[in-house]
Amino acid sequence: MGEEEDDDDRSVNTTAIFNNATRMCESTAQTSGPRDCAKFVTLEFCQMVCGNVTQP
């Protein structure tokens, strides 16, 4: 493959998660694992991205 490699299996480090039940960002212990759209590098980044989420 060329430059368009599929990087879905890349490991990422996260310290925050968006809790869908409470609709809030929460700090977590640092974890490393596959990409997950609910996990974020920092709590601040989670709040910046998801801070204005409202109930559907």
Protein backbone atom coordinates (compact mmCIF):
# COMPACT_ATOMS: atom_id res chain seq x y z
CA MET A 1 0.00 0.00 0.00
CA GLY A 2 1.06 3.58 -0.46
CA GLU A 3 0.52 6.54 1.79
CA GLU A 4 -3.11 5.63 2.40
CA GLU A 5 -2.38 2.97 5.00
CA ASP A 6 -5.28 1.92 7.19
CA ASP A 7 -4.29 3.08 10.68
CA ASP A 8 -7.39 1.88 12.56
CA ASP A 9 -5.20 -0.61 14.45
CA ARG A 10 -2.85 2.11 15.72
CA SER A 11 -2.48 2.30 19.48
CA VAL A 12 -3.34 5.63 21.12
CA ASN A 13 -2.87 6.95 24.68
CA THR A 14 -5.91 8.47 26.39
CA THR A 15 -6.66 10.08 29.77
CA ALA A 16 -10.32 11.03 29.33
CA ILE A 17 -13.54 9.50 28.08
CA PHE A 18 -16.93 10.87 27.07
CA ASN A 19 -19.60 9.18 29.20
CA ASN A 20 -22.66 8.87 26.98
CA ALA A 21 -24.97 8.18 29.96
CA THR A 22 -24.09 11.42 31.79
CA ARG A 23 -23.18 13.36 28.62
CA MET A 24 -19.99 14.54 30.37
CA CYS A 25 -16.25 14.10 29.96
CA GLU A 26 -14.49 12.18 32.72
CA SER A 27 -10.84 11.71 33.64
CA THR A 28 -9.50 8.17 33.45
CA ALA A 29 -6.25 6.47 34.23
CA GLN A 30 -3.93 6.66 31.25
CA THR A 31 -4.71 3.82 28.89
CA SER A 32 -3.24 2.70 25.63
CA GLY A 33 -5.23 0.84 23.04
CA PRO A 34 -7.01 0.95 19.71
CA ARG A 35 -8.66 4.14 18.55
CA ASP A 36 -12.06 4.78 20.16
CA CYS A 37 -14.14 7.82 19.25
CA ALA A 38 -15.30 8.23 22.90
CA LYS A 39 -11.75 8.44 24.30
CA PHE A 40 -9.56 11.55 24.27
CA VAL A 41 -5.94 12.46 24.88
CA THR A 42 -6.83 14.96 27.63
CA LEU A 43 -9.89 15.97 29.64
CA GLU A 44 -9.60 19.50 28.23
CA PHE A 45 -9.70 18.22 24.65
CA CYS A 46 -12.76 16.09 25.44
CA GLN A 47 -14.51 19.12 26.94
CA MET A 48 -13.58 21.26 23.94
CA VAL A 49 -14.98 18.70 21.49
CA CYS A 50 -17.99 17.47 23.48
CA GLY A 51 -18.70 20.30 25.91
CA ASN A 52 -21.94 21.38 24.27
CA VAL A 53 -23.44 17.95 23.72
CA THR A 54 -27.14 17.82 24.56
CA GLN A 55 -29.57 14.94 24.89
CA PRO A 56 -30.86 13.67 21.53
